Structure formats: C-alpha cells, structure tokens
PDB file of N, CA and C in Angstrom:
ATOM      1  N   MET A   1       0.814  -1.207   0.000  1.00  0.00           N
ATOM      2  CA  MET A   1       0.000   0.000   0.000  1.00  0.00           C
ATOM      3  C   MET A   1       0.849   1.259   0.000  1.00  0.00           C
ATOM      4  N   TRP A   2       2.080   1.177   0.531  1.00  0.00           N
ATOM      5  CA  TRP A   2       2.931   2.359   0.622  1.00  0.00           C
ATOM      6  C   TRP A   2       3.458   2.797  -0.730  1.00  0.00           C
ATOM      7  N   GLN A   3       3.358   1.925  -1.749  1.00  0.00           N
ATOM      8  CA  GLN A   3       3.774   2.295  -3.097  1.00  0.00           C
ATOM      9  C   GLN A   3       2.690   3.092  -3.824  1.00  0.00           C
ATOM     10  N   SER A   4       1.472   3.095  -3.272  1.00  0.00           N
ATOM     11  CA  SER A   4       0.362   3.819  -3.881  1.00  0.00           C
ATOM     12  C   SER A   4       0.666   5.314  -3.930  1.00  0.00           C
ATOM     13  N   LEU A   5       0.503   5.897  -5.120  1.00  0.00           N
ATOM     14  CA  LEU A   5       0.742   7.343  -5.257  1.00  0.00           C
ATOM     15  C   LEU A   5      -0.217   8.153  -4.398  1.00  0.00           C
ATOM     16  N   GLU A   6      -1.443   7.681  -4.246  1.00  0.00           N
ATOM     17  CA  GLU A   6      -2.417   8.395  -3.408  1.00  0.00           C
ATOM     18  C   GLU A   6      -1.983   8.395  -1.949  1.00  0.00           C
ATOM     19  N   VAL A   7      -1.483   7.259  -1.477  1.00  0.00           N
ATOM     20  CA  VAL A   7      -1.002   7.162  -0.097  1.00  0.00           C
ATOM     21  C   VAL A   7       0.198   8.087   0.087  1.00  0.00           C
ATOM     22  N   GLN A   8       1.124   8.065  -0.856  1.00  0.00           N
ATOM     23  CA  GLN A   8       2.296   8.929  -0.767  1.00  0.00           C
ATOM     24  C   GLN A   8       1.901  10.406  -0.823  1.00  0.00           C
ATOM     25  N   ARG A   9       0.926  10.740  -1.637  1.00  0.00           N
ATOM     26  CA  ARG A   9       0.440  12.118  -1.731  1.00  0.00           C
ATOM     27  C   ARG A   9      -0.179  12.559  -0.398  1.00  0.00           C
ATOM     28  N   ALA A  10      -0.966  11.672   0.218  1.00  0.00           N
ATOM     29  CA  ALA A  10      -1.573  11.995   1.510  1.00  0.00           C
ATOM     30  C   ALA A  10      -0.493  12.246   2.558  1.00  0.00           C
ATOM     31  N   LEU A  11       0.562  11.429   2.547  1.00  0.00           N
ATOM     32  CA  LEU A  11       1.675  11.632   3.473  1.00  0.00           C
ATOM     33  C   LEU A  11       2.383  12.956   3.206  1.00  0.00           C
ATOM     34  N   THR A  12       2.665  13.239   1.942  1.00  0.00           N
ATOM     35  CA  THR A  12       3.353  14.468   1.564  1.00  0.00           C
ATOM     36  C   THR A  12       2.585  15.700   2.028  1.00  0.00           C
ATOM     37  N   HIS A  13       1.257  15.651   1.899  1.00  0.00           N
ATOM     38  CA  HIS A  13       0.417  16.788   2.285  1.00  0.00           C
ATOM     39  C   HIS A  13      -0.003  16.734   3.753  1.00  0.00           C
ATOM     40  N   ARG A  14       0.519  15.741   4.472  1.00  0.00           N
ATOM     41  CA  ARG A  14       0.168  15.548   5.887  1.00  0.00           C
ATOM     42  C   ARG A  14      -1.345  15.487   6.079  1.00  0.00           C
ATOM     43  N   ASP A  15      -2.024  14.856   5.102  1.00  0.00           N
ATOM     44  CA  ASP A  15      -3.471  14.656   5.177  1.00  0.00           C
ATOM     45  C   ASP A  15      -3.704  13.298   5.827  1.00  0.00           C
ATOM     46  N   PHE A  16      -3.659  13.276   7.158  1.00  0.00           N
ATOM     47  CA  PHE A  16      -3.696  12.030   7.886  1.00  0.00           C
ATOM     48  C   PHE A  16      -5.075  11.363   7.857  1.00  0.00           C
ATOM     49  N   GLY A  17      -6.130  12.145   7.684  1.00  0.00           N
ATOM     50  CA  GLY A  17      -7.456  11.558   7.522  1.00  0.00           C
ATOM     51  C   GLY A  17      -7.532  10.751   6.233  1.00  0.00           C
ATOM     52  N   ARG A  18      -7.060  11.344   5.152  1.00  0.00           N
ATOM     53  CA  ARG A  18      -7.027  10.647   3.854  1.00  0.00           C
ATOM     54  C   ARG A  18      -6.095   9.441   3.926  1.00  0.00           C
ATOM     55  N   LEU A  19      -4.964   9.609   4.587  1.00  0.00           N
ATOM     56  CA  LEU A  19      -4.022   8.510   4.752  1.00  0.00           C
ATOM     57  C   LEU A  19      -4.684   7.324   5.452  1.00  0.00           C
ATOM     58  N   CYS A  20      -5.370   7.590   6.550  1.00  0.00           N
ATOM     59  CA  CYS A  20      -6.048   6.512   7.288  1.00  0.00           C
ATOM     60  C   CYS A  20      -7.079   5.815   6.413  1.00  0.00           C
ATOM     61  N   LEU A  21      -7.869   6.595   5.703  1.00  0.00           N
ATOM     62  CA  LEU A  21      -8.891   6.023   4.833  1.00  0.00           C
ATOM     63  C   LEU A  21      -8.262   5.139   3.756  1.00  0.00           C
ATOM     64  N   LEU A  22      -7.221   5.627   3.104  1.00  0.00           N
ATOM     65  CA  LEU A  22      -6.562   4.858   2.051  1.00  0.00           C
ATOM     66  C   LEU A  22      -5.926   3.580   2.600  1.00  0.00           C
ATOM     67  N   VAL A  23      -5.262   3.696   3.736  1.00  0.00           N
ATOM     68  CA  VAL A  23      -4.637   2.513   4.349  1.00  0.00           C
ATOM     69  C   VAL A  23      -5.709   1.486   4.695  1.00  0.00           C
ATOM     70  N   ARG A  24      -6.818   1.951   5.224  1.00  0.00           N
ATOM     71  CA  ARG A  24      -7.904   1.023   5.557  1.00  0.00           C
ATOM     72  C   ARG A  24      -8.443   0.344   4.306  1.00  0.00           C
ATOM     73  N   GLN A  25      -8.684   1.137   3.260  1.00  0.00           N
ATOM     74  CA  GLN A  25      -9.228   0.571   2.023  1.00  0.00           C
ATOM     75  C   GLN A  25      -8.256  -0.414   1.384  1.00  0.00           C
ATOM     76  N   LEU A  26      -7.003  -0.011   1.259  1.00  0.00           N
ATOM     77  CA  LEU A  26      -6.009  -0.859   0.606  1.00  0.00           C
ATOM     78  C   LEU A  26      -5.644  -2.086   1.448  1.00  0.00           C
ATOM     79  N   GLY A  27      -5.740  -1.952   2.762  1.00  0.00           N
ATOM     80  CA  GLY A  27      -5.402  -3.052   3.654  1.00  0.00           C
ATOM     81  C   GLY A  27      -6.589  -3.850   4.138  1.00  0.00           C
ATOM     82  N   SER A  28      -7.789  -3.503   3.628  1.00  0.00           N
ATOM     83  CA  SER A  28      -9.028  -4.171   4.061  1.00  0.00           C
ATOM     84  C   SER A  28      -9.151  -4.165   5.583  1.00  0.00           C
ATOM     85  N   LEU A  29      -8.962  -2.985   6.166  1.00  0.00           N
ATOM     86  CA  LEU A  29      -9.028  -2.822   7.611  1.00  0.00           C
ATOM     87  C   LEU A  29     -10.262  -2.028   8.003  1.00  0.00           C
ATOM     88  N   ARG A  30     -10.728  -2.280   9.218  1.00  0.00           N
ATOM     89  CA  ARG A  30     -11.814  -1.471   9.792  1.00  0.00           C
ATOM     90  C   ARG A  30     -11.176  -0.381  10.648  1.00  0.00           C
ATOM     91  N   GLN A  31     -11.953   0.638  10.974  1.00  0.00           N
ATOM     92  CA  GLN A  31     -11.437   1.686  11.862  1.00  0.00           C
ATOM     93  C   GLN A  31     -11.007   1.083  13.192  1.00  0.00           C
ATOM     94  N   GLU A  32     -11.715   0.083  13.660  1.00  0.00           N
ATOM     95  CA  GLU A  32     -11.358  -0.582  14.913  1.00  0.00           C
ATOM     96  C   GLU A  32      -9.976  -1.225  14.802  1.00  0.00           C
ATOM     97  N   ASP A  33      -9.658  -1.765  13.623  1.00  0.00           N
ATOM     98  CA  ASP A  33      -8.340  -2.367  13.405  1.00  0.00           C
ATOM     99  C   ASP A  33      -7.243  -1.309  13.489  1.00  0.00           C
ATOM    100  N   VAL A  34      -7.469  -0.174  12.829  1.00  0.00           N
ATOM    101  CA  VAL A  34      -6.487   0.914  12.851  1.00  0.00           C
ATOM    102  C   VAL A  34      -6.355   1.460  14.277  1.00  0.00           C
ATOM    103  N   ALA A  35      -7.462   1.537  14.989  1.00  0.00           N
ATOM    104  CA  ALA A  35      -7.428   1.994  16.380  1.00  0.00           C
ATOM    105  C   ALA A  35      -6.566   1.053  17.223  1.00  0.00           C
ATOM    106  N   ALA A  36      -6.716  -0.246  17.016  1.00  0.00           N
ATOM    107  CA  ALA A  36      -5.924  -1.219  17.767  1.00  0.00           C
ATOM    108  C   ALA A  36      -4.441  -1.117  17.415  1.00  0.00           C
ATOM    109  N   LEU A  37      -4.139  -0.874  16.152  1.00  0.00           N
ATOM    110  CA  LEU A  37      -2.742  -0.756  15.709  1.00  0.00           C
ATOM    111  C   LEU A  37      -2.065   0.507  16.225  1.00  0.00           C
ATOM    112  N   THR A  38      -2.826   1.603  16.279  1.00  0.00           N
ATOM    113  CA  THR A  38      -2.234   2.911  16.570  1.00  0.00           C
ATOM    114  C   THR A  38      -2.442   3.390  18.007  1.00  0.00           C
ATOM    115  N   GLY A  39      -3.439   2.854  18.683  1.00  0.00           N
ATOM    116  CA  GLY A  39      -3.752   3.341  20.020  1.00  0.00           C
ATOM    117  C   GLY A  39      -4.627   4.589  20.005  1.00  0.00           C
ATOM    118  N   LEU A  40      -5.000   5.055  18.808  1.00  0.00           N
ATOM    119  CA  LEU A  40      -5.929   6.188  18.700  1.00  0.00           C
ATOM    120  C   LEU A  40      -7.349   5.633  18.733  1.00  0.00           C
ATOM    121  N   SER A  41      -8.274   6.385  19.255  1.00  0.00           N
ATOM    122  CA  SER A  41      -9.634   5.874  19.388  1.00  0.00           C
ATOM    123  C   SER A  41     -10.336   5.780  18.035  1.00  0.00           C
ATOM    124  N   GLN A  42     -11.250   4.838  17.932  1.00  0.00           N
ATOM    125  CA  GLN A  42     -12.028   4.667  16.706  1.00  0.00           C
ATOM    126  C   GLN A  42     -12.834   5.923  16.432  1.00  0.00           C
ATOM    127  N   ALA A  43     -13.368   6.545  17.478  1.00  0.00           N
ATOM    128  CA  ALA A  43     -14.163   7.766  17.307  1.00  0.00           C
ATOM    129  C   ALA A  43     -13.295   8.886  16.723  1.00  0.00           C
ATOM    130  N   PHE A  44     -12.068   9.016  17.223  1.00  0.00           N
ATOM    131  CA  PHE A  44     -11.165  10.038  16.697  1.00  0.00           C
ATOM    132  C   PHE A  44     -10.827   9.749  15.239  1.00  0.00           C
ATOM    133  N   LEU A  45     -10.524   8.484  14.918  1.00  0.00           N
ATOM    134  CA  LEU A  45     -10.200   8.107  13.544  1.00  0.00           C
ATOM    135  C   LEU A  45     -11.361   8.404  12.602  1.00  0.00           C
ATOM    136  N   SER A  46     -12.568   8.175  13.060  1.00  0.00           N
ATOM    137  CA  SER A  46     -13.755   8.461  12.257  1.00  0.00           C
ATOM    138  C   SER A  46     -13.839   9.952  11.936  1.00  0.00           C
ATOM    139  N   MET A  47     -13.638  10.787  12.954  1.00  0.00           N
ATOM    140  CA  MET A  47     -13.678  12.236  12.753  1.00  0.00           C
ATOM    141  C   MET A  47     -12.513  12.702  11.887  1.00  0.00           C
ATOM    142  N   LEU A  48     -11.347  12.063  12.048  1.00  0.00           N
ATOM    143  CA  LEU A  48     -10.175  12.395  11.251  1.00  0.00           C
ATOM    144  C   LEU A  48     -10.439  12.117   9.777  1.00  0.00           C
ATOM    145  N   GLU A  49     -10.967  10.942   9.484  1.00  0.00           N
ATOM    146  CA  GLU A  49     -11.269  10.572   8.096  1.00  0.00           C
ATOM    147  C   GLU A  49     -12.344  11.460   7.489  1.00  0.00           C
ATOM    148  N   ALA A  50     -13.291  11.881   8.302  1.00  0.00           N
ATOM    149  CA  ALA A  50     -14.387  12.720   7.816  1.00  0.00           C
ATOM    150  C   ALA A  50     -13.969  14.182   7.652  1.00  0.00           C
ATOM    151  N   GLY A  51     -12.786  14.529   8.140  1.00  0.00           N
ATOM    152  CA  GLY A  51     -12.315  15.906   8.035  1.00  0.00           C
ATOM    153  C   GLY A  51     -12.821  16.803   9.142  1.00  0.00           C
ATOM    154  N   VAL A  52     -13.484  16.217  10.132  1.00  0.00           N
ATOM    155  CA  VAL A  52     -14.014  16.991  11.257  1.00  0.00           C
ATOM    156  C   VAL A  52     -12.886  17.359  12.222  1.00  0.00           C
ATOM    157  N   ARG A  53     -11.910  16.459  12.350  1.00  0.00           N
ATOM    158  CA  ARG A  53     -10.745  16.697  13.206  1.00  0.00           C
ATOM    159  C   ARG A  53      -9.483  16.642  12.360  1.00  0.00           C
ATOM    160  N   ARG A  54      -8.450  17.310  12.857  1.00  0.00           N
ATOM    161  CA  ARG A  54      -7.142  17.259  12.185  1.00  0.00           C
ATOM    162  C   ARG A  54      -6.122  16.720  13.175  1.00  0.00           C
ATOM    163  N   LEU A  55      -5.111  16.086  12.652  1.00  0.00           N
ATOM    164  CA  LEU A  55      -4.049  15.552  13.493  1.00  0.00           C
ATOM    165  C   LEU A  55      -2.863  16.503  13.393  1.00  0.00           C
ATOM    166  N   THR A  56      -2.614  17.252  14.478  1.00  0.00           N
ATOM    167  CA  THR A  56      -1.539  18.242  14.469  1.00  0.00           C
ATOM    168  C   THR A  56      -0.506  17.988  15.564  1.00  0.00           C
ATOM    169  N   ASN A  57      -0.852  17.203  16.573  1.00  0.00           N
ATOM    170  CA  ASN A  57       0.055  16.905  17.671  1.00  0.00           C
ATOM    171  C   ASN A  57       1.128  15.946  17.178  1.00  0.00           C
ATOM    172  N   ILE A  58       2.398  16.356  17.263  1.00  0.00           N
ATOM    173  CA  ILE A  58       3.497  15.549  16.718  1.00  0.00           C
ATOM    174  C   ILE A  58       3.552  14.169  17.366  1.00  0.00           C
ATOM    175  N   ASP A  59       3.274  14.077  18.650  1.00  0.00           N
ATOM    176  CA  ASP A  59       3.302  12.776  19.319  1.00  0.00           C
ATOM    177  C   ASP A  59       2.235  11.848  18.757  1.00  0.00           C
ATOM    178  N   LYS A  60       1.063  12.398  18.484  1.00  0.00           N
ATOM    179  CA  LYS A  60      -0.025  11.588  17.911  1.00  0.00           C
ATOM    180  C   LYS A  60       0.285  11.204  16.464  1.00  0.00           C
ATOM    181  N   ILE A  61       0.938  12.100  15.726  1.00  0.00           N
ATOM    182  CA  ILE A  61       1.331  11.789  14.350  1.00  0.00           C
ATOM    183  C   ILE A  61       2.325  10.634  14.358  1.00  0.00           C
ATOM    184  N   VAL A  62       3.314  10.707  15.248  1.00  0.00           N
ATOM    185  CA  VAL A  62       4.300   9.630  15.380  1.00  0.00           C
ATOM    186  C   VAL A  62       3.602   8.327  15.771  1.00  0.00           C
ATOM    187  N   GLN A  63       2.655   8.420  16.702  1.00  0.00           N
ATOM    188  CA  GLN A  63       1.895   7.248  17.150  1.00  0.00           C
ATOM    189  C   GLN A  63       1.147   6.614  15.981  1.00  0.00           C
ATOM    190  N   LEU A  64       0.515   7.434  15.161  1.00  0.00           N
ATOM    191  CA  LEU A  64      -0.227   6.939  14.004  1.00  0.00           C
ATOM    192  C   LEU A  64       0.714   6.271  13.005  1.00  0.00           C
ATOM    193  N   LEU A  65       1.779   6.963  12.625  1.00  0.00           N
ATOM    194  CA  LEU A  65       2.699   6.439  11.613  1.00  0.00           C
ATOM    195  C   LEU A  65       3.420   5.188  12.087  1.00  0.00           C
ATOM    196  N   ASP A  66       3.792   5.154  13.360  1.00  0.00           N
ATOM    197  CA  ASP A  66       4.426   3.947  13.900  1.00  0.00           C
ATOM    198  C   ASP A  66       3.448   2.783  13.920  1.00  0.00           C
ATOM    199  N   GLY A  67       2.221   3.051  14.347  1.00  0.00           N
ATOM    200  CA  GLY A  67       1.207   2.005  14.402  1.00  0.00           C
ATOM    201  C   GLY A  67       0.898   1.421  13.032  1.00  0.00           C
ATOM    202  N   LEU A  68       0.925   2.281  12.018  1.00  0.00           N
ATOM    203  CA  LEU A  68       0.666   1.829  10.649  1.00  0.00           C
ATOM    204  C   LEU A  68       1.924   1.275   9.979  1.00  0.00           C
ATOM    205  N   GLN A  69       3.043   1.368  10.681  1.00  0.00           N
ATOM    206  CA  GLN A  69       4.335   0.906  10.169  1.00  0.00           C
ATOM    207  C   GLN A  69       4.685   1.569   8.831  1.00  0.00           C
ATOM    208  N   ALA A  70       4.459   2.879   8.791  1.00  0.00           N
ATOM    209  CA  ALA A  70       4.803   3.649   7.591  1.00  0.00           C
ATOM    210  C   ALA A  70       6.315   3.637   7.416  1.00  0.00           C
ATOM    211  N   PRO A  71       6.799   3.394   6.202  1.00  0.00           N
ATOM    212  CA  PRO A  71       8.245   3.339   5.971  1.00  0.00           C
ATOM    213  C   PRO A  71       8.930   4.681   6.248  1.00  0.00           C
ATOM    214  N   MET A  72      10.071   4.611   6.897  1.00  0.00           N
ATOM    215  CA  MET A  72      10.835   5.806   7.251  1.00  0.00           C
ATOM    216  C   MET A  72      11.163   6.651   6.020  1.00  0.00           C
ATOM    217  N   GLU A  73      11.416   6.003   4.863  1.00  0.00           N
ATOM    218  CA  GLU A  73      11.780   6.767   3.671  1.00  0.00           C
ATOM    219  C   GLU A  73      10.622   7.624   3.164  1.00  0.00           C
ATOM    220  N   LEU A  74       9.403   7.309   3.577  1.00  0.00           N
ATOM    221  CA  LEU A  74       8.248   8.118   3.173  1.00  0.00           C
ATOM    222  C   LEU A  74       7.897   9.189   4.203  1.00  0.00           C
ATOM    223  N   THR A  75       8.199   8.926   5.458  1.00  0.00           N
ATOM    224  CA  THR A  75       7.786   9.854   6.510  1.00  0.00           C
ATOM    225  C   THR A  75       8.895  10.808   6.933  1.00  0.00           C
ATOM    226  N   GLY A  76      10.126  10.393   6.747  1.00  0.00           N
ATOM    227  CA  GLY A  76      11.244  11.181   7.249  1.00  0.00           C
ATOM    228  C   GLY A  76      11.468  10.878   8.720  1.00  0.00           C
ATOM    229  N   PRO A  77      12.676  11.038   9.188  1.00  0.00           N
ATOM    230  CA  PRO A  77      13.001  10.666  10.569  1.00  0.00           C
ATOM    231  C   PRO A  77      12.305  11.517  11.625  1.00  0.00           C
ATOM    232  N   MET A  78      11.955  12.749  11.290  1.00  0.00           N
ATOM    233  CA  MET A  78      11.324  13.610  12.297  1.00  0.00           C
ATOM    234  C   MET A  78       9.916  13.151  12.662  1.00  0.00           C
ATOM    235  N   LEU A  79       9.301  12.384  11.786  1.00  0.00           N
ATOM    236  CA  LEU A  79       7.938  11.929  12.066  1.00  0.00           C
ATOM    237  C   LEU A  79       7.899  10.478  12.515  1.00  0.00           C
ATOM    238  N   ARG A  80       8.989   9.977  12.999  1.00  0.00           N
ATOM    239  CA  ARG A  80       9.029   8.595  13.468  1.00  0.00           C
ATOM    240  C   ARG A  80       9.663   8.537  14.839  1.00  0.00           C
ATOM    241  N   ALA A  81       9.165   7.660  15.664  1.00  0.00           N
ATOM    242  CA  ALA A  81       9.727   7.467  16.992  1.00  0.00           C
ATOM    243  C   ALA A  81      11.018   6.667  16.867  1.00  0.00           C
ATOM    244  N   SER A  82      11.999   7.046  17.623  1.00  0.00           N
ATOM    245  CA  SER A  82      13.241   6.287  17.690  1.00  0.00           C
ATOM    246  C   SER A  82      13.978   6.754  18.928  1.00  0.00           C
ATOM    247  N   THR A  83      15.032   6.077  19.262  1.00  0.00           N
ATOM    248  CA  THR A  83      15.801   6.494  20.427  1.00  0.00           C
ATOM    249  C   THR A  83      16.489   7.825  20.171  1.00  0.00           C
ATOM    250  N   GLU A  84      16.688   8.161  18.902  1.00  0.00           N
ATOM    251  CA  GLU A  84      17.358   9.411  18.565  1.00  0.00           C
ATOM    252  C   GLU A  84      16.375  10.550  18.305  1.00  0.00           C
ATOM    253  N   HIS A  85      15.073  10.268  18.293  1.00  0.00           N
ATOM    254  CA  HIS A  85      14.084  11.281  17.923  1.00  0.00           C
ATOM    255  C   HIS A  85      14.232  12.557  18.746  1.00  0.00           C
ATOM    256  N   GLY A  86      14.300  12.400  20.075  1.00  0.00           N
ATOM    257  CA  GLY A  86      14.401  13.571  20.930  1.00  0.00           C
ATOM    258  C   GLY A  86      15.674  14.357  20.673  1.00  0.00           C
ATOM    259  N   VAL A  87      16.766  13.663  20.444  1.00  0.00           N
ATOM    260  CA  VAL A  87      18.042  14.316  20.179  1.00  0.00           C
ATOM    261  C   VAL A  87      17.978  15.084  18.864  1.00  0.00           C
ATOM    262  N   VAL A  88      17.442  14.457  17.811  1.00  0.00           N
ATOM    263  CA  VAL A  88      17.324  15.124  16.515  1.00  0.00           C
ATOM    264  C   VAL A  88      16.439  16.353  16.643  1.00  0.00           C
ATOM    265  N   HIS A  89      15.315  16.211  17.344  1.00  0.00           N
ATOM    266  CA  HIS A  89      14.378  17.311  17.505  1.00  0.00           C
ATOM    267  C   HIS A  89      15.047  18.470  18.249  1.00  0.00           C
ATOM    268  N   GLU A  90      15.746  18.155  19.342  1.00  0.00           N
ATOM    269  CA  GLU A  90      16.394  19.208  20.120  1.00  0.00           C
ATOM    270  C   GLU A  90      17.501  19.889  19.305  1.00  0.00           C
ATOM    271  N   HIS A  91      18.216  19.116  18.499  1.00  0.00           N
ATOM    272  CA  HIS A  91      19.278  19.668  17.673  1.00  0.00           C
ATOM    273  C   HIS A  91      18.718  20.702  16.693  1.00  0.00           C
ATOM    274  N   HIS A  92      17.612  20.341  16.029  1.00  0.00           N
ATOM    275  CA  HIS A  92      17.001  21.260  15.081  1.00  0.00           C
ATOM    276  C   HIS A  92      16.417  22.484  15.791  1.00  0.00           C
ATOM    277  N   ALA A  93      15.860  22.285  16.975  1.00  0.00           N
ATOM    278  CA  ALA A  93      15.303  23.404  17.707  1.00  0.00           C
ATOM    279  C   ALA A  93      16.418  24.374  18.115  1.00  0.00           C
ATOM    280  N   ALA A  94      17.569  23.826  18.478  1.00  0.00           N
ATOM    281  CA  ALA A  94      18.693  24.678  18.890  1.00  0.00           C
ATOM    282  C   ALA A  94      19.229  25.478  17.699  1.00  0.00           C
ATOM    283  N   GLN A  95      19.151  24.905  16.507  1.00  0.00           N
ATOM    284  CA  GLN A  95      19.621  25.616  15.320  1.00  0.00           C
ATOM    285  C   GLN A  95      18.652  26.699  14.892  1.00  0.00           C
ATOM    286  N   GLY A  96      17.349  26.509  15.188  1.00  0.00           N
ATOM    287  CA  GLY A  96      16.330  27.413  14.699  1.00  0.00           C
ATOM    288  C   GLY A  96      16.430  28.743  15.314  1.00  0.00           C
TER     289      GLY A  96
END
C-alpha cells in the first residue's frame, strides 16, 4: 500500500485523515483495526477521516505512523519514533 501514489500524496500533504482512509481501504481494515494498531480511538479516527478533526500533535502523528508501520523513507526521521528522535528534535530546535 505504501507504493500507492495516493497514499504517498496523503503523506506528503500531511493529510492524515485521507491517509487513514486509504490505508484502511487498501489493507481491508476497519477503523477498529487501525485503532488497535495505533492506540488512537475509533471515534477520533472516524472524525479524522471525515475531516471533522485534524491531526496536528506531533506525538499523535508519530503514534499513528508507527502504528501503521509507515516506511521511514516516506515519513522522514522527524515523524518517526526512535531512540534518537528527541536528540534530533532538540538539535534542530537549537539551530532554529
């Protein structure tokens, strides 16, 4: 599913509602399945997909992408949890 141009476009535009919908469709998953994978509530995912809510909290974005096992080459290291995440983030903040 990660090779899908639509999925990659949703990631590029940080359209996480569209991303969730596409991943569910391509992976034959229910919202409950995505909720179990990501730890985000089914109700939140429903609102996210409908465009009622937006995902802007970096921790929640990382939680979503990690739960969906999005490839690092598509998300970039800043949007993925790792032991170095905090160090990379602080380094960039210090440069800013």
